[in-house]
Amino acid sequence: MSTFAPLLRLLTLLFLVNVTLAFDITFPAPTNYWVACGWNNMTWRSQSSDPSIVTIMLTNTNKTLLNDDFEIGNALEGADNAAMVYVPCLPAADGYALLFVNASGYDHKPEKVIYTSNEFGIKPKGSTPDPASGQSSIPNRYQPYLETPGIVLPQKGPSEVTNTTTNANSTDGALPKLDGSADTFKDFHPTQHNAAASSMTVVGDVLFVVVVAAFTALVVTS
């Protein structure tokens, strides 16, 4: 029995490692960096057995730089394998890492984290993007909707507002360039802030008030 005990422990360890490393961040890697105060690309690999929806949090072991983990990508499709996220104006330093956590519980306790990336750096605002990012510049237009950490650009229309590969699982294809110059970028509003629907509602309310007022005036004058 004792002969098989070490083997059993080894197999258990390998199983746990395999489960823990299901997701795998491919950018930013330890030799890469993000740029503060702007939109940065991130890519990862996933397996069919991984959670379909995940939330991604930014962390740093140096709590004087980042006093707590915070959400940088909310309810992402795990199988998309790419997203553009807004990196706030954090101190330029090394030691940052990404946590994949449950999208419904946001539990980032060590034993609940689905995956932890390797550490990478963040450079100051205005720095040139990492050559491996696929970005020619870091979009940082000021808009209340876009400047909110955790709001992620949609994966539709990669040629316009995202730098997602058409085949997210491809390891050979170069990422499309994103320079923030597309007209659709400056007018973009996340789907959770549906401006078009709100406008239609306001117009409908105004028309209703006008009709009621006209009817009231007709009744009074007659």
Protein backbone atom coordinates (compact mmCIF):
# COMPACT_ATOMS: atom_id res chain seq x y z
CA MET A 1 0.00 0.00 0.00
CA SER A 2 2.82 2.36 0.91
CA THR A 3 4.40 1.77 -2.52
CA PHE A 4 1.43 3.37 -4.28
CA ALA A 5 1.00 6.27 -1.84
CA PRO A 6 3.66 8.54 -3.42
CA LEU A 7 2.30 7.78 -6.91
CA LEU A 8 -1.24 8.58 -5.80
CA ARG A 9 -0.11 11.90 -4.32
CA LEU A 10 1.74 12.73 -7.54
CA LEU A 11 -1.30 11.95 -9.70
CA THR A 12 -3.50 14.08 -7.43
CA LEU A 13 -1.04 16.98 -7.68
CA LEU A 14 -0.89 16.71 -11.46
CA PHE A 15 -4.68 16.70 -11.63
CA LEU A 16 -4.93 19.82 -9.48
CA VAL A 17 -2.28 21.61 -11.54
CA ASN A 18 -4.11 20.73 -14.75
CA VAL A 19 -7.39 22.10 -13.39
CA THR A 20 -5.75 25.25 -12.06
CA LEU A 21 -3.98 26.01 -15.33
CA ALA A 22 -6.99 25.51 -17.58
CA PHE A 23 -6.97 29.19 -18.59
CA ASP A 24 -3.64 30.56 -19.70
CA ILE A 25 -2.89 34.26 -20.27
CA THR A 26 -0.85 34.69 -23.45
CA PHE A 27 -0.69 38.50 -23.29
CA PRO A 28 0.53 40.18 -21.21
CA ALA A 29 3.20 37.60 -20.42
CA PRO A 30 6.05 38.13 -17.90
CA THR A 31 8.17 39.84 -20.57
CA ASN A 32 5.30 42.11 -21.67
CA TYR A 33 3.63 45.20 -20.25
CA TRP A 34 0.45 47.26 -20.31
CA VAL A 35 0.26 51.06 -20.47
CA ALA A 36 -1.59 52.99 -17.76
CA CYS A 37 -4.54 55.34 -18.43
CA GLY A 38 -5.80 53.63 -21.57
CA TRP A 39 -7.25 50.63 -23.37
CA ASN A 40 -5.00 47.58 -23.52
CA ASN A 41 -5.29 44.25 -25.26
CA MET A 42 -5.30 40.95 -23.41
CA THR A 43 -5.40 37.42 -24.82
CA TRP A 44 -5.65 33.98 -23.27
CA ARG A 45 -6.14 30.31 -24.09
CA SER A 46 -9.10 28.34 -22.80
CA GLN A 47 -10.44 24.80 -22.83
CA SER A 48 -13.98 23.65 -23.56
CA SER A 49 -14.25 22.52 -19.93
CA ASP A 50 -13.47 26.01 -18.59
CA PRO A 51 -16.22 28.31 -17.25
CA SER A 52 -18.10 29.98 -20.09
CA ILE A 53 -18.26 33.35 -18.30
CA VAL A 54 -15.45 34.78 -16.18
CA THR A 55 -14.56 38.03 -14.49
CA ILE A 56 -10.96 39.22 -14.53
CA MET A 57 -9.37 41.16 -11.69
CA LEU A 58 -6.07 42.99 -11.48
CA THR A 59 -3.85 42.38 -8.45
CA ASN A 60 -0.42 43.23 -7.11
CA THR A 61 1.37 41.74 -4.11
CA ASN A 62 2.65 45.24 -3.29
CA LYS A 63 -0.43 46.75 -1.64
CA THR A 64 1.11 50.22 -1.62
CA LEU A 65 0.70 50.15 -5.40
CA LEU A 66 -2.71 48.49 -5.47
CA ASN A 67 -4.37 48.18 -2.09
CA ASP A 68 -6.90 45.57 -3.21
CA ASP A 69 -7.79 43.40 -6.19
CA PHE A 70 -10.26 45.10 -8.48
CA GLU A 71 -12.37 44.13 -11.43
CA ILE A 72 -10.88 45.00 -14.80
CA GLY A 73 -13.06 42.82 -17.04
CA ASN A 74 -16.61 41.94 -16.11
CA ALA A 75 -18.49 38.83 -17.30
CA LEU A 76 -16.25 38.01 -20.26
CA GLU A 77 -16.88 35.07 -22.55
CA GLY A 78 -14.19 32.60 -21.59
CA ALA A 79 -14.06 31.15 -25.10
CA ASP A 80 -13.49 34.56 -26.74
CA ASN A 81 -9.83 34.34 -25.71
CA ALA A 82 -9.34 38.08 -26.18
CA ALA A 83 -10.63 41.40 -24.86
CA MET A 84 -9.75 45.08 -24.69
CA VAL A 85 -9.79 46.41 -21.13
CA TYR A 86 -9.30 49.86 -19.64
CA VAL A 87 -6.25 50.14 -17.39
CA PRO A 88 -6.63 53.05 -14.93
CA CYS A 89 -3.81 55.44 -14.08
CA LEU A 90 -1.99 53.03 -11.80
CA PRO A 91 1.62 53.45 -10.64
CA ALA A 92 4.12 52.26 -13.23
CA ALA A 93 5.72 49.14 -11.77
CA ASP A 94 6.20 45.39 -12.08
CA GLY A 95 4.40 42.73 -10.08
CA TYR A 96 0.90 43.08 -11.51
CA ALA A 97 -1.07 39.90 -12.27
CA LEU A 98 -4.55 38.91 -13.48
CA LEU A 99 -7.04 36.71 -11.64
CA PHE A 100 -9.80 34.76 -13.37
CA VAL A 101 -12.69 34.51 -10.92
CA ASN A 102 -16.29 33.31 -10.89
CA ALA A 103 -18.42 35.87 -12.73
CA SER A 104 -21.38 35.45 -10.38
CA GLY A 105 -19.61 35.46 -7.03
CA TYR A 106 -16.59 37.71 -7.67
CA ASP A 107 -14.81 35.63 -5.02
CA HIS A 108 -11.10 36.36 -5.28
CA LYS A 109 -9.93 34.47 -2.21
CA PRO A 110 -6.87 32.41 -3.16
CA GLU A 111 -8.71 29.09 -2.87
CA LYS A 112 -11.56 30.35 -5.08
CA VAL A 113 -9.52 31.90 -7.90
CA ILE A 114 -9.86 29.91 -11.14
CA TYR A 115 -6.55 31.02 -12.60
CA THR A 116 -3.72 33.41 -11.72
CA SER A 117 -1.47 34.79 -14.44
CA ASN A 118 2.25 35.34 -14.24
CA GLU A 119 3.35 38.79 -13.15
CA PHE A 120 3.88 41.56 -15.70
CA GLY A 121 4.54 45.30 -15.70
CA ILE A 122 2.54 48.47 -16.29
CA LYS A 123 4.25 51.47 -17.89
CA PRO A 124 3.33 55.17 -17.52
CA LYS A 125 0.68 56.89 -19.61
CA GLY A 126 2.01 57.85 -23.02
CA SER A 127 4.39 54.91 -23.31
CA THR A 128 4.67 53.06 -26.61
CA PRO A 129 2.52 49.88 -26.61
CA ASP A 130 4.27 46.57 -26.16
CA PRO A 131 5.17 45.30 -29.68
CA ALA A 132 3.50 41.98 -28.87
CA SER A 133 0.17 43.66 -28.06
CA GLY A 134 -0.86 44.19 -31.68
CA GLN A 135 -1.59 47.86 -30.89
CA SER A 136 -0.02 50.84 -32.63
CA SER A 137 -1.17 53.20 -29.86
CA ILE A 138 -3.13 53.17 -26.61
CA PRO A 139 -6.64 54.68 -27.01
CA ASN A 140 -7.37 56.92 -24.04
CA ARG A 141 -10.15 59.25 -25.17
CA TYR A 142 -12.03 60.66 -22.22
CA GLN A 143 -15.60 59.45 -22.11
CA PRO A 144 -17.48 58.62 -18.90
CA TYR A 145 -18.65 55.30 -20.31
CA LEU A 146 -15.21 54.29 -21.54
CA GLU A 147 -13.20 55.49 -18.57
CA THR A 148 -15.01 53.17 -16.15
CA PRO A 149 -12.78 50.21 -15.12
CA GLY A 150 -14.47 46.90 -15.82
CA ILE A 151 -16.30 47.98 -18.98
CA VAL A 152 -14.98 45.94 -21.87
CA LEU A 153 -15.23 46.70 -25.56
CA PRO A 154 -17.50 44.23 -27.38
CA GLN A 155 -15.98 41.48 -29.48
CA LYS A 156 -18.08 42.40 -32.56
CA GLY A 157 -16.50 44.44 -35.32
CA PRO A 158 -12.82 43.61 -34.64
CA SER A 159 -11.72 45.79 -37.54
CA GLU A 160 -13.31 48.83 -35.95
CA VAL A 161 -13.05 48.89 -32.18
CA THR A 162 -11.31 45.75 -30.98
CA ASN A 163 -8.09 43.97 -31.80
CA THR A 164 -9.51 40.48 -31.40
CA THR A 165 -8.29 37.89 -33.87
CA THR A 166 -10.92 36.33 -36.10
CA ASN A 167 -9.69 32.98 -34.84
CA ALA A 168 -9.02 33.58 -31.18
CA ASN A 169 -7.40 30.17 -30.73
CA SER A 170 -4.80 30.82 -33.42
CA THR A 171 -1.27 31.07 -32.08
CA ASP A 172 0.29 32.07 -35.41
CA GLY A 173 -1.89 34.88 -36.77
CA ALA A 174 -0.85 38.44 -35.95
CA LEU A 175 -3.29 40.56 -33.99
CA PRO A 176 -5.03 43.28 -36.04
CA LYS A 177 -3.83 46.81 -35.30
CA LEU A 178 -5.89 49.13 -33.13
CA ASP A 179 -5.00 52.80 -33.17
CA GLY A 180 -8.27 54.24 -31.87
CA SER A 181 -8.84 56.23 -35.05
CA ALA A 182 -12.04 54.52 -36.16
CA ASP A 183 -15.08 56.80 -36.14
CA THR A 184 -17.07 54.16 -34.30
CA PHE A 185 -14.68 54.24 -31.36
CA LYS A 186 -15.36 57.84 -30.34
CA ASP A 187 -19.11 57.20 -30.50
CA PHE A 188 -19.04 53.83 -28.77
CA HIS A 189 -21.29 53.25 -25.75
CA PRO A 190 -21.35 49.90 -23.93
CA THR A 191 -24.52 47.88 -24.33
CA GLN A 192 -25.39 48.27 -20.66
CA HIS A 193 -25.84 51.99 -21.38
CA ASN A 194 -28.21 51.75 -24.35
CA ALA A 195 -28.41 55.38 -25.43
CA ALA A 196 -30.57 54.63 -28.48
CA ALA A 197 -33.21 52.88 -26.40
CA SER A 198 -33.17 55.69 -23.86
CA SER A 199 -33.60 58.30 -26.62
CA MET A 200 -36.55 56.44 -28.10
CA THR A 201 -38.15 56.31 -24.65
CA VAL A 202 -37.71 60.06 -24.16
CA VAL A 203 -39.13 60.83 -27.61
CA GLY A 204 -42.11 58.60 -26.90
CA ASP A 205 -42.75 60.35 -23.60
CA VAL A 206 -42.57 63.80 -25.24
CA LEU A 207 -45.00 62.79 -27.98
CA PHE A 208 -47.41 61.42 -25.38
CA VAL A 209 -47.31 64.69 -23.43
CA VAL A 210 -47.90 66.70 -26.64
CA VAL A 211 -50.89 64.55 -27.62
CA VAL A 212 -52.42 64.83 -24.14
CA ALA A 213 -51.89 68.61 -24.10
CA ALA A 214 -53.47 69.01 -27.54
CA PHE A 215 -56.45 66.91 -26.54
CA THR A 216 -56.89 68.91 -23.33
CA ALA A 217 -56.74 72.21 -25.24
CA LEU A 218 -59.30 70.92 -27.75
CA VAL A 219 -61.68 69.94 -24.99
CA VAL A 220 -61.28 73.25 -23.15
CA THR A 221 -61.76 75.44 -26.25
CA SER A 222 -64.78 73.49 -27.42
